Amino acid sequence: MNEERGVAADCLFCSIVAGDIPGELVASSDVAIAIRDIAPRAPVHVLVVPRDHVGSVHDLKDPDAGLLSACFALAREVAEAEGIADGYRVTTNIGERGGQSVHHLHFHVLGGRQLGHIDSGSPEQPA
C-alpha cells in the first residue's frame, strides 16, 4: 500500500511510528517523532518523521504548512536537547536520485561537529 496519508503497510517508518519496529525515540509530538539514525553521519544524527505517511516533500500540498511547522519545531527541540542549537543542519532527500532510500518524508537533524558545505563535491550516502 502506498497512501499519501495514513499508514503504508510496507513502510519502515510507518512501522516504527506504530511501535511494530523499535527505534530510539528522542522526542515526539502529536504530528511527528524524532528517532536516532541507525547509521549516523554526524555525532548527532536524528530523524524527524511525521506520524502520517507522506512520500516526500514533493508530495506536500498547501494545507500541509502545519505539518512542516510541527516538524521544524520538533527539529528545534531536538537540537536544543542534544546541545547543538548553536549550529546544526536540517535536510531532506527527495526521490532516489536525490538520495531518498526510505520513501516516507523525514528530516535529518545533523550536528555535533563542524559540518562541511553541501556543495563540497563529494557524493553523500543515501538516507
N, C-alpha and C. Protein backbone atom coordinates (compact mmCIF):
# COMPACT_ATOMS: atom_id res chain seq x y z
N MET A 1 0.85 -1.18 0.00
CA MET A 1 0.00 0.00 0.00
C MET A 1 0.89 1.23 0.00
N ASN A 2 0.56 2.23 -0.80
CA ASN A 2 1.34 3.45 -0.86
C ASN A 2 0.40 4.64 -0.84
N GLU A 3 -0.10 4.95 0.34
CA GLU A 3 -1.04 6.04 0.50
C GLU A 3 -0.30 7.34 0.73
N GLU A 4 -0.95 8.46 0.32
CA GLU A 4 -0.37 9.76 0.60
C GLU A 4 -0.47 10.09 2.08
N ARG A 5 -1.50 9.63 2.75
CA ARG A 5 -1.69 9.91 4.17
C ARG A 5 -2.09 8.63 4.88
N GLY A 6 -1.94 8.63 6.19
CA GLY A 6 -2.29 7.45 6.96
C GLY A 6 -1.07 6.58 7.17
N VAL A 7 -1.22 5.28 6.93
CA VAL A 7 -0.16 4.32 7.16
C VAL A 7 0.04 3.48 5.91
N ALA A 8 1.28 3.26 5.53
CA ALA A 8 1.61 2.37 4.42
C ALA A 8 2.17 1.08 5.03
N ALA A 9 1.55 -0.04 4.71
CA ALA A 9 1.90 -1.32 5.34
C ALA A 9 3.35 -1.72 5.12
N ASP A 10 3.93 -1.35 3.99
CA ASP A 10 5.30 -1.76 3.67
C ASP A 10 6.34 -0.69 3.99
N CYS A 11 5.97 0.29 4.81
CA CYS A 11 6.86 1.42 5.10
C CYS A 11 7.57 1.24 6.44
N LEU A 12 8.90 1.29 6.40
CA LEU A 12 9.72 1.16 7.61
C LEU A 12 9.33 2.19 8.66
N PHE A 13 9.23 3.45 8.27
CA PHE A 13 8.93 4.49 9.25
C PHE A 13 7.51 4.39 9.79
N CYS A 14 6.56 3.97 8.97
CA CYS A 14 5.20 3.74 9.48
C CYS A 14 5.23 2.65 10.55
N SER A 15 6.04 1.62 10.35
CA SER A 15 6.16 0.54 11.33
C SER A 15 6.82 1.02 12.61
N ILE A 16 7.80 1.91 12.51
CA ILE A 16 8.44 2.46 13.70
C ILE A 16 7.46 3.36 14.45
N VAL A 17 6.74 4.21 13.73
CA VAL A 17 5.74 5.09 14.36
C VAL A 17 4.70 4.25 15.09
N ALA A 18 4.28 3.13 14.49
CA ALA A 18 3.26 2.25 15.10
C ALA A 18 3.81 1.44 16.27
N GLY A 19 5.13 1.41 16.43
CA GLY A 19 5.73 0.62 17.51
C GLY A 19 5.97 -0.83 17.14
N ASP A 20 5.78 -1.18 15.88
CA ASP A 20 5.99 -2.56 15.43
C ASP A 20 7.48 -2.88 15.24
N ILE A 21 8.27 -1.86 14.96
CA ILE A 21 9.72 -1.99 14.82
C ILE A 21 10.34 -0.99 15.80
N PRO A 22 11.35 -1.41 16.56
CA PRO A 22 11.93 -0.48 17.53
C PRO A 22 12.72 0.65 16.88
N GLY A 23 12.70 1.77 17.54
CA GLY A 23 13.50 2.92 17.15
C GLY A 23 13.85 3.67 18.43
N GLU A 24 15.03 4.27 18.48
CA GLU A 24 15.44 5.00 19.68
C GLU A 24 14.80 6.39 19.67
N LEU A 25 13.71 6.51 20.41
CA LEU A 25 12.94 7.75 20.45
C LEU A 25 13.71 8.83 21.20
N VAL A 26 13.82 9.99 20.58
CA VAL A 26 14.49 11.14 21.18
C VAL A 26 13.47 12.16 21.66
N ALA A 27 12.42 12.36 20.87
CA ALA A 27 11.36 13.33 21.20
C ALA A 27 10.14 12.98 20.35
N SER A 28 9.01 13.55 20.72
CA SER A 28 7.80 13.31 19.92
C SER A 28 6.81 14.45 20.12
N SER A 29 5.89 14.53 19.19
CA SER A 29 4.77 15.47 19.26
C SER A 29 3.55 14.75 18.71
N ASP A 30 2.44 15.43 18.66
CA ASP A 30 1.23 14.83 18.09
C ASP A 30 1.39 14.55 16.60
N VAL A 31 2.29 15.27 15.95
CA VAL A 31 2.43 15.22 14.50
C VAL A 31 3.61 14.36 14.03
N ALA A 32 4.68 14.28 14.84
CA ALA A 32 5.91 13.62 14.39
C ALA A 32 6.66 12.99 15.56
N ILE A 33 7.58 12.11 15.20
CA ILE A 33 8.51 11.54 16.19
C ILE A 33 9.93 11.89 15.76
N ALA A 34 10.85 11.85 16.71
CA ALA A 34 12.27 12.04 16.41
C ALA A 34 13.01 10.82 16.93
N ILE A 35 13.74 10.15 16.03
CA ILE A 35 14.47 8.93 16.38
C ILE A 35 15.92 9.05 15.93
N ARG A 36 16.81 8.35 16.61
CA ARG A 36 18.22 8.34 16.20
C ARG A 36 18.38 7.56 14.89
N ASP A 37 19.22 8.08 14.02
CA ASP A 37 19.53 7.39 12.77
C ASP A 37 20.39 6.17 13.10
N ILE A 38 20.12 5.04 12.45
CA ILE A 38 20.87 3.81 12.75
C ILE A 38 22.26 3.81 12.10
N ALA A 39 22.49 4.73 11.17
CA ALA A 39 23.80 4.86 10.52
C ALA A 39 24.20 6.34 10.53
N PRO A 40 24.54 6.86 11.70
CA PRO A 40 24.76 8.31 11.82
C PRO A 40 25.90 8.84 10.96
N ARG A 41 25.67 10.02 10.38
CA ARG A 41 26.65 10.71 9.55
C ARG A 41 27.31 11.87 10.30
N ALA A 42 26.94 12.04 11.56
CA ALA A 42 27.49 13.09 12.42
C ALA A 42 27.33 12.62 13.86
N PRO A 43 28.03 13.25 14.81
CA PRO A 43 27.87 12.84 16.21
C PRO A 43 26.41 12.86 16.69
N VAL A 44 25.66 13.84 16.21
CA VAL A 44 24.21 13.86 16.45
C VAL A 44 23.55 13.71 15.09
N HIS A 45 22.74 12.67 14.93
CA HIS A 45 22.01 12.44 13.69
C HIS A 45 20.66 11.85 14.07
N VAL A 46 19.66 12.70 14.06
CA VAL A 46 18.31 12.34 14.46
C VAL A 46 17.38 12.57 13.28
N LEU A 47 16.40 11.68 13.12
CA LEU A 47 15.41 11.80 12.06
C LEU A 47 14.09 12.28 12.64
N VAL A 48 13.52 13.32 12.05
CA VAL A 48 12.19 13.78 12.41
C VAL A 48 11.24 13.20 11.37
N VAL A 49 10.30 12.37 11.83
CA VAL A 49 9.44 11.58 10.95
C VAL A 49 7.98 11.89 11.25
N PRO A 50 7.21 12.41 10.27
CA PRO A 50 5.78 12.61 10.51
C PRO A 50 5.09 11.29 10.83
N ARG A 51 4.09 11.35 11.70
CA ARG A 51 3.34 10.15 12.06
C ARG A 51 2.53 9.62 10.88
N ASP A 52 1.98 10.51 10.06
CA ASP A 52 1.23 10.09 8.88
C ASP A 52 2.18 9.87 7.71
N HIS A 53 1.85 8.90 6.87
CA HIS A 53 2.70 8.60 5.72
C HIS A 53 2.54 9.66 4.64
N VAL A 54 3.66 10.28 4.31
CA VAL A 54 3.78 11.18 3.17
C VAL A 54 5.06 10.75 2.48
N GLY A 55 5.03 10.57 1.18
CA GLY A 55 6.20 10.05 0.48
C GLY A 55 7.43 10.93 0.58
N SER A 56 7.27 12.22 0.31
CA SER A 56 8.40 13.15 0.36
C SER A 56 7.86 14.58 0.37
N VAL A 57 8.76 15.54 0.44
CA VAL A 57 8.36 16.95 0.37
C VAL A 57 7.61 17.22 -0.94
N HIS A 58 7.98 16.52 -1.99
CA HIS A 58 7.35 16.71 -3.29
C HIS A 58 5.84 16.41 -3.25
N ASP A 59 5.41 15.59 -2.30
CA ASP A 59 4.01 15.21 -2.20
C ASP A 59 3.19 16.15 -1.32
N LEU A 60 3.83 17.13 -0.70
CA LEU A 60 3.10 18.04 0.18
C LEU A 60 2.26 19.03 -0.61
N LYS A 61 1.18 19.47 0.00
CA LYS A 61 0.27 20.45 -0.60
C LYS A 61 0.19 21.67 0.32
N ASP A 62 -0.44 22.74 -0.15
CA ASP A 62 -0.55 23.97 0.64
C ASP A 62 -1.09 23.74 2.05
N PRO A 63 -2.11 22.89 2.24
CA PRO A 63 -2.62 22.69 3.60
C PRO A 63 -1.63 22.01 4.56
N ASP A 64 -0.50 21.53 4.04
CA ASP A 64 0.48 20.84 4.88
C ASP A 64 1.45 21.78 5.59
N ALA A 65 1.20 23.07 5.54
CA ALA A 65 2.09 24.03 6.21
C ALA A 65 2.20 23.72 7.70
N GLY A 66 1.11 23.30 8.32
CA GLY A 66 1.15 22.96 9.74
C GLY A 66 2.03 21.75 10.02
N LEU A 67 2.03 20.78 9.12
CA LEU A 67 2.89 19.61 9.26
C LEU A 67 4.36 20.02 9.22
N LEU A 68 4.71 20.86 8.25
CA LEU A 68 6.09 21.32 8.16
C LEU A 68 6.49 22.13 9.39
N SER A 69 5.62 23.00 9.83
CA SER A 69 5.90 23.81 11.01
C SER A 69 6.14 22.92 12.23
N ALA A 70 5.31 21.90 12.40
CA ALA A 70 5.46 20.98 13.54
C ALA A 70 6.76 20.18 13.45
N CYS A 71 7.13 19.76 12.24
CA CYS A 71 8.39 19.02 12.07
C CYS A 71 9.59 19.89 12.39
N PHE A 72 9.58 21.14 11.94
CA PHE A 72 10.70 22.03 12.22
C PHE A 72 10.74 22.43 13.69
N ALA A 73 9.58 22.55 14.33
CA ALA A 73 9.56 22.81 15.77
C ALA A 73 10.18 21.64 16.53
N LEU A 74 9.87 20.41 16.10
CA LEU A 74 10.45 19.24 16.75
C LEU A 74 11.96 19.16 16.48
N ALA A 75 12.39 19.54 15.28
CA ALA A 75 13.82 19.58 14.98
C ALA A 75 14.53 20.58 15.90
N ARG A 76 13.92 21.72 16.13
CA ARG A 76 14.49 22.72 17.04
C ARG A 76 14.58 22.16 18.46
N GLU A 77 13.52 21.46 18.91
CA GLU A 77 13.51 20.84 20.23
C GLU A 77 14.65 19.81 20.35
N VAL A 78 14.84 19.02 19.32
CA VAL A 78 15.93 18.03 19.30
C VAL A 78 17.28 18.73 19.40
N ALA A 79 17.48 19.77 18.60
CA ALA A 79 18.75 20.49 18.61
C ALA A 79 19.06 21.05 20.00
N GLU A 80 18.06 21.60 20.65
CA GLU A 80 18.26 22.14 22.00
C GLU A 80 18.57 21.02 22.99
N ALA A 81 17.82 19.93 22.93
CA ALA A 81 18.02 18.81 23.87
C ALA A 81 19.37 18.13 23.66
N GLU A 82 19.85 18.09 22.42
CA GLU A 82 21.10 17.41 22.10
C GLU A 82 22.32 18.34 22.23
N GLY A 83 22.08 19.61 22.56
CA GLY A 83 23.18 20.54 22.76
C GLY A 83 23.84 21.03 21.48
N ILE A 84 23.09 21.06 20.38
CA ILE A 84 23.66 21.50 19.11
C ILE A 84 22.96 22.75 18.55
N ALA A 85 22.19 23.43 19.38
CA ALA A 85 21.39 24.56 18.91
C ALA A 85 22.24 25.70 18.34
N ASP A 86 23.53 25.72 18.65
CA ASP A 86 24.39 26.78 18.13
C ASP A 86 24.85 26.52 16.69
N GLY A 87 24.55 25.35 16.14
CA GLY A 87 24.90 25.06 14.76
C GLY A 87 24.54 23.64 14.36
N TYR A 88 23.60 23.52 13.45
CA TYR A 88 23.16 22.20 13.00
C TYR A 88 22.54 22.34 11.62
N ARG A 89 22.27 21.21 11.00
CA ARG A 89 21.66 21.18 9.67
C ARG A 89 20.38 20.37 9.73
N VAL A 90 19.36 20.85 9.02
CA VAL A 90 18.13 20.10 8.83
C VAL A 90 17.99 19.92 7.32
N THR A 91 17.88 18.67 6.89
CA THR A 91 17.82 18.40 5.46
C THR A 91 16.88 17.23 5.18
N THR A 92 16.44 17.14 3.93
CA THR A 92 15.63 16.01 3.49
C THR A 92 16.05 15.64 2.07
N ASN A 93 15.84 14.41 1.71
CA ASN A 93 16.13 13.92 0.37
C ASN A 93 14.81 13.61 -0.32
N ILE A 94 14.77 13.84 -1.63
CA ILE A 94 13.53 13.65 -2.39
C ILE A 94 13.82 12.73 -3.57
N GLY A 95 13.21 11.56 -3.58
CA GLY A 95 13.36 10.61 -4.67
C GLY A 95 14.71 9.91 -4.65
N GLU A 96 14.79 8.83 -5.39
CA GLU A 96 16.02 8.04 -5.43
C GLU A 96 17.21 8.85 -5.93
N ARG A 97 17.01 9.67 -6.95
CA ARG A 97 18.12 10.47 -7.48
C ARG A 97 18.56 11.54 -6.50
N GLY A 98 17.69 11.88 -5.55
CA GLY A 98 18.04 12.83 -4.51
C GLY A 98 18.60 12.17 -3.27
N GLY A 99 18.72 10.84 -3.29
CA GLY A 99 19.30 10.11 -2.17
C GLY A 99 18.30 9.57 -1.17
N GLN A 100 17.00 9.63 -1.48
CA GLN A 100 15.99 9.12 -0.55
C GLN A 100 15.90 7.61 -0.65
N SER A 101 16.13 6.91 0.47
CA SER A 101 16.05 5.45 0.46
C SER A 101 14.83 4.94 1.21
N VAL A 102 14.26 5.73 2.11
CA VAL A 102 13.01 5.38 2.78
C VAL A 102 11.97 6.38 2.29
N HIS A 103 10.96 5.89 1.57
CA HIS A 103 10.00 6.77 0.93
C HIS A 103 8.86 7.13 1.87
N HIS A 104 9.26 7.79 2.95
CA HIS A 104 8.36 8.38 3.95
C HIS A 104 9.06 9.66 4.35
N LEU A 105 8.40 10.78 4.17
CA LEU A 105 9.00 12.07 4.48
C LEU A 105 9.71 12.04 5.82
N HIS A 106 10.95 12.52 5.85
CA HIS A 106 11.69 12.64 7.11
C HIS A 106 12.77 13.69 6.93
N PHE A 107 13.13 14.30 8.04
CA PHE A 107 14.14 15.34 8.06
C PHE A 107 15.31 14.88 8.91
N HIS A 108 16.51 15.05 8.41
CA HIS A 108 17.73 14.73 9.14
C HIS A 108 18.15 15.95 9.94
N VAL A 109 18.37 15.77 11.23
CA VAL A 109 18.94 16.81 12.09
C VAL A 109 20.36 16.36 12.39
N LEU A 110 21.33 17.10 11.87
CA LEU A 110 22.74 16.72 11.97
C LEU A 110 23.54 17.81 12.68
N GLY A 111 24.42 17.39 13.58
CA GLY A 111 25.27 18.36 14.26
C GLY A 111 26.26 17.67 15.16
N GLY A 112 26.88 18.47 16.02
CA GLY A 112 27.85 17.94 16.95
C GLY A 112 29.28 18.04 16.47
N ARG A 113 29.49 18.61 15.29
CA ARG A 113 30.82 18.86 14.74
C ARG A 113 30.67 19.93 13.65
N GLN A 114 31.80 20.44 13.18
CA GLN A 114 31.75 21.39 12.07
C GLN A 114 31.26 20.64 10.83
N LEU A 115 30.19 21.12 10.23
CA LEU A 115 29.64 20.48 9.04
C LEU A 115 30.21 21.14 7.80
N GLY A 116 30.51 20.34 6.79
CA GLY A 116 31.04 20.86 5.54
C GLY A 116 29.96 21.52 4.70
N HIS A 117 30.40 22.17 3.65
CA HIS A 117 29.46 22.79 2.72
C HIS A 117 28.73 21.72 1.93
N ILE A 118 27.50 21.96 1.64
CA ILE A 118 26.69 20.99 0.91
C ILE A 118 27.26 20.76 -0.49
N ASP A 119 27.82 21.77 -1.11
CA ASP A 119 28.34 21.65 -2.47
C ASP A 119 29.82 21.27 -2.50
N SER A 120 30.25 20.45 -1.55
CA SER A 120 31.66 20.07 -1.45
C SER A 120 32.13 19.17 -2.58
N GLY A 121 31.21 18.63 -3.37
CA GLY A 121 31.59 17.79 -4.49
C GLY A 121 31.69 16.32 -4.16
N SER A 122 31.67 15.96 -2.89
CA SER A 122 31.75 14.54 -2.54
C SER A 122 30.35 13.96 -2.45
N PRO A 123 30.12 12.79 -3.05
CA PRO A 123 28.78 12.21 -3.02
C PRO A 123 28.38 11.82 -1.60
N GLU A 124 27.15 12.08 -1.28
CA GLU A 124 26.60 11.73 0.03
C GLU A 124 26.04 10.31 -0.03
N GLN A 125 25.98 9.66 1.10
CA GLN A 125 25.36 8.34 1.20
C GLN A 125 23.85 8.52 1.21
N PRO A 126 23.08 7.59 0.65
CA PRO A 126 21.63 7.67 0.71
C PRO A 126 21.13 7.68 2.15
N ALA A 127 20.02 8.36 2.34
CA ALA A 127 19.43 8.40 3.68
C ALA A 127 17.93 8.37 3.60
